[in-house]
Amino acid sequence: MDISTPPNGYSLWNLQAGVNLSKNFGIDFSIRNVFNTSYRDYLNRLRFFSNEMGRNFILTLKYQF
């Protein structure tokens, strides 16, 4: 195991959209790592054992009071 060699380069694409449904209520939807790229972060000490997270879908409901 060579700890000085950095992993290969990569590009990550994220999408995010949101809408306010009323004065106090809104919804956001985001997709992280849209193309499900396999990558390893150079600063992560566990990079020798597994890849970083794949594609994630996140739905956020916001209510301001």
N, C-alpha and C. Protein backbone atom coordinates (compact mmCIF):
# COMPACT_ATOMS: atom_id res chain seq x y z
N MET A 1 0.85 -1.17 0.00
CA MET A 1 0.00 0.00 0.00
C MET A 1 0.90 1.24 0.00
N ASP A 2 0.72 2.06 -1.01
CA ASP A 2 1.52 3.27 -1.15
C ASP A 2 0.72 4.46 -0.64
N ILE A 3 1.14 5.04 0.48
CA ILE A 3 0.35 6.11 1.08
C ILE A 3 0.68 7.49 0.51
N SER A 4 1.68 7.60 -0.33
CA SER A 4 2.05 8.91 -0.86
C SER A 4 1.45 9.19 -2.23
N THR A 5 0.93 8.18 -2.91
CA THR A 5 0.36 8.37 -4.25
C THR A 5 -1.08 8.85 -4.14
N PRO A 6 -1.39 10.00 -4.76
CA PRO A 6 -2.78 10.49 -4.69
C PRO A 6 -3.68 9.65 -5.60
N PRO A 7 -4.99 9.60 -5.28
CA PRO A 7 -5.92 8.89 -6.16
C PRO A 7 -6.14 9.67 -7.46
N ASN A 8 -6.77 9.04 -8.42
CA ASN A 8 -7.06 9.67 -9.71
C ASN A 8 -7.98 10.88 -9.54
N GLY A 9 -7.90 11.81 -10.48
CA GLY A 9 -8.78 12.98 -10.46
C GLY A 9 -10.22 12.59 -10.76
N TYR A 10 -11.15 13.46 -10.41
CA TYR A 10 -12.56 13.19 -10.65
C TYR A 10 -13.33 14.51 -10.72
N SER A 11 -14.53 14.45 -11.28
CA SER A 11 -15.45 15.59 -11.31
C SER A 11 -16.77 15.16 -10.70
N LEU A 12 -17.30 15.98 -9.83
CA LEU A 12 -18.60 15.69 -9.22
C LEU A 12 -19.60 16.73 -9.69
N TRP A 13 -20.79 16.28 -10.03
CA TRP A 13 -21.87 17.16 -10.46
C TRP A 13 -23.02 17.05 -9.46
N ASN A 14 -23.54 18.19 -9.04
CA ASN A 14 -24.67 18.26 -8.11
C ASN A 14 -25.77 19.10 -8.71
N LEU A 15 -27.02 18.78 -8.41
CA LEU A 15 -28.18 19.55 -8.84
C LEU A 15 -29.00 19.92 -7.62
N GLN A 16 -29.58 21.13 -7.65
CA GLN A 16 -30.43 21.56 -6.55
C GLN A 16 -31.53 22.47 -7.08
N ALA A 17 -32.75 22.24 -6.61
CA ALA A 17 -33.89 23.08 -6.98
C ALA A 17 -34.76 23.26 -5.75
N GLY A 18 -35.41 24.40 -5.68
CA GLY A 18 -36.28 24.67 -4.55
C GLY A 18 -37.40 25.61 -4.94
N VAL A 19 -38.45 25.58 -4.14
CA VAL A 19 -39.59 26.45 -4.38
C VAL A 19 -40.22 26.82 -3.04
N ASN A 20 -40.66 28.07 -2.93
CA ASN A 20 -41.42 28.50 -1.76
C ASN A 20 -42.90 28.34 -2.09
N LEU A 21 -43.59 27.51 -1.34
CA LEU A 21 -45.00 27.24 -1.60
C LEU A 21 -45.91 28.27 -0.96
N SER A 22 -45.46 28.87 0.11
CA SER A 22 -46.20 29.94 0.77
C SER A 22 -45.19 30.84 1.48
N LYS A 23 -45.71 31.77 2.26
CA LYS A 23 -44.82 32.71 2.95
C LYS A 23 -43.86 31.99 3.91
N ASN A 24 -44.30 30.91 4.54
CA ASN A 24 -43.51 30.24 5.57
C ASN A 24 -43.07 28.83 5.21
N PHE A 25 -43.45 28.31 4.06
CA PHE A 25 -43.19 26.91 3.74
C PHE A 25 -42.49 26.78 2.39
N GLY A 26 -41.44 25.96 2.35
CA GLY A 26 -40.71 25.74 1.11
C GLY A 26 -40.19 24.31 1.01
N ILE A 27 -39.86 23.90 -0.19
CA ILE A 27 -39.33 22.56 -0.45
C ILE A 27 -38.07 22.69 -1.30
N ASP A 28 -37.03 21.96 -0.93
CA ASP A 28 -35.80 21.87 -1.73
C ASP A 28 -35.55 20.41 -2.08
N PHE A 29 -35.05 20.18 -3.28
CA PHE A 29 -34.67 18.84 -3.72
C PHE A 29 -33.28 18.92 -4.31
N SER A 30 -32.39 18.04 -3.90
CA SER A 30 -31.04 18.05 -4.45
C SER A 30 -30.55 16.64 -4.73
N ILE A 31 -29.68 16.55 -5.70
CA ILE A 31 -29.01 15.30 -6.05
C ILE A 31 -27.52 15.55 -5.97
N ARG A 32 -26.82 14.80 -5.16
CA ARG A 32 -25.36 14.90 -5.03
C ARG A 32 -24.73 13.76 -5.83
N ASN A 33 -23.65 14.06 -6.53
CA ASN A 33 -22.95 13.07 -7.35
C ASN A 33 -23.92 12.47 -8.39
N VAL A 34 -24.44 13.33 -9.26
CA VAL A 34 -25.48 12.98 -10.23
C VAL A 34 -25.10 11.77 -11.08
N PHE A 35 -23.86 11.69 -11.52
CA PHE A 35 -23.44 10.60 -12.42
C PHE A 35 -22.88 9.40 -11.68
N ASN A 36 -23.05 9.37 -10.35
CA ASN A 36 -22.64 8.24 -9.52
C ASN A 36 -21.17 7.88 -9.74
N THR A 37 -20.31 8.88 -9.71
CA THR A 37 -18.88 8.71 -9.93
C THR A 37 -18.22 8.01 -8.75
N SER A 38 -17.40 7.00 -9.01
CA SER A 38 -16.61 6.36 -7.96
C SER A 38 -15.35 7.19 -7.77
N TYR A 39 -15.12 7.64 -6.54
CA TYR A 39 -13.95 8.47 -6.29
C TYR A 39 -13.46 8.26 -4.87
N ARG A 40 -12.22 8.67 -4.66
CA ARG A 40 -11.61 8.60 -3.33
C ARG A 40 -10.99 9.94 -3.01
N ASP A 41 -11.37 10.49 -1.88
CA ASP A 41 -10.88 11.79 -1.44
C ASP A 41 -9.48 11.62 -0.85
N TYR A 42 -8.55 12.41 -1.32
CA TYR A 42 -7.15 12.30 -0.88
C TYR A 42 -6.99 12.54 0.62
N LEU A 43 -7.84 13.38 1.21
CA LEU A 43 -7.72 13.71 2.63
C LEU A 43 -8.43 12.72 3.55
N ASN A 44 -9.15 11.77 2.99
CA ASN A 44 -9.85 10.77 3.79
C ASN A 44 -8.90 9.60 4.09
N ARG A 45 -8.65 9.33 5.35
CA ARG A 45 -7.72 8.25 5.72
C ARG A 45 -8.25 6.87 5.37
N LEU A 46 -9.55 6.75 5.17
CA LEU A 46 -10.14 5.45 4.82
C LEU A 46 -10.18 5.23 3.30
N ARG A 47 -9.54 6.11 2.51
CA ARG A 47 -9.60 5.99 1.05
C ARG A 47 -8.98 4.70 0.53
N PHE A 48 -8.14 4.06 1.30
CA PHE A 48 -7.52 2.81 0.86
C PHE A 48 -8.47 1.63 0.99
N PHE A 49 -9.57 1.81 1.70
CA PHE A 49 -10.47 0.70 1.98
C PHE A 49 -11.79 0.77 1.24
N SER A 50 -12.28 2.00 0.94
CA SER A 50 -13.56 2.11 0.24
C SER A 50 -13.68 3.46 -0.46
N ASN A 51 -14.57 3.50 -1.44
CA ASN A 51 -14.85 4.74 -2.17
C ASN A 51 -15.72 5.65 -1.31
N GLU A 52 -15.82 6.91 -1.73
CA GLU A 52 -16.72 7.86 -1.07
C GLU A 52 -18.16 7.51 -1.45
N MET A 53 -19.12 8.19 -0.83
CA MET A 53 -20.53 7.91 -1.09
C MET A 53 -20.88 8.13 -2.56
N GLY A 54 -21.82 7.33 -3.04
CA GLY A 54 -22.30 7.47 -4.41
C GLY A 54 -23.39 8.53 -4.49
N ARG A 55 -24.32 8.33 -5.39
CA ARG A 55 -25.40 9.28 -5.63
C ARG A 55 -26.31 9.36 -4.41
N ASN A 56 -26.70 10.60 -4.05
CA ASN A 56 -27.60 10.85 -2.92
C ASN A 56 -28.74 11.74 -3.36
N PHE A 57 -29.95 11.40 -2.92
CA PHE A 57 -31.13 12.22 -3.15
C PHE A 57 -31.54 12.82 -1.81
N ILE A 58 -31.75 14.15 -1.78
CA ILE A 58 -32.06 14.83 -0.53
C ILE A 58 -33.31 15.69 -0.74
N LEU A 59 -34.31 15.47 0.08
CA LEU A 59 -35.53 16.27 0.07
C LEU A 59 -35.61 17.03 1.38
N THR A 60 -35.72 18.36 1.30
CA THR A 60 -35.74 19.19 2.49
C THR A 60 -37.04 19.97 2.54
N LEU A 61 -37.74 19.87 3.66
CA LEU A 61 -38.95 20.65 3.89
C LEU A 61 -38.60 21.75 4.88
N LYS A 62 -38.94 23.00 4.52
CA LYS A 62 -38.61 24.13 5.38
C LYS A 62 -39.87 24.84 5.83
N TYR A 63 -39.93 25.08 7.13
CA TYR A 63 -41.03 25.87 7.69
C TYR A 63 -40.43 26.93 8.60
N GLN A 64 -40.73 28.18 8.31
CA GLN A 64 -40.23 29.29 9.12
C GLN A 64 -41.36 29.81 10.00
N PHE A 65 -41.08 29.95 11.27
CA PHE A 65 -42.08 30.47 12.20
C PHE A 65 -41.54 31.57 13.05
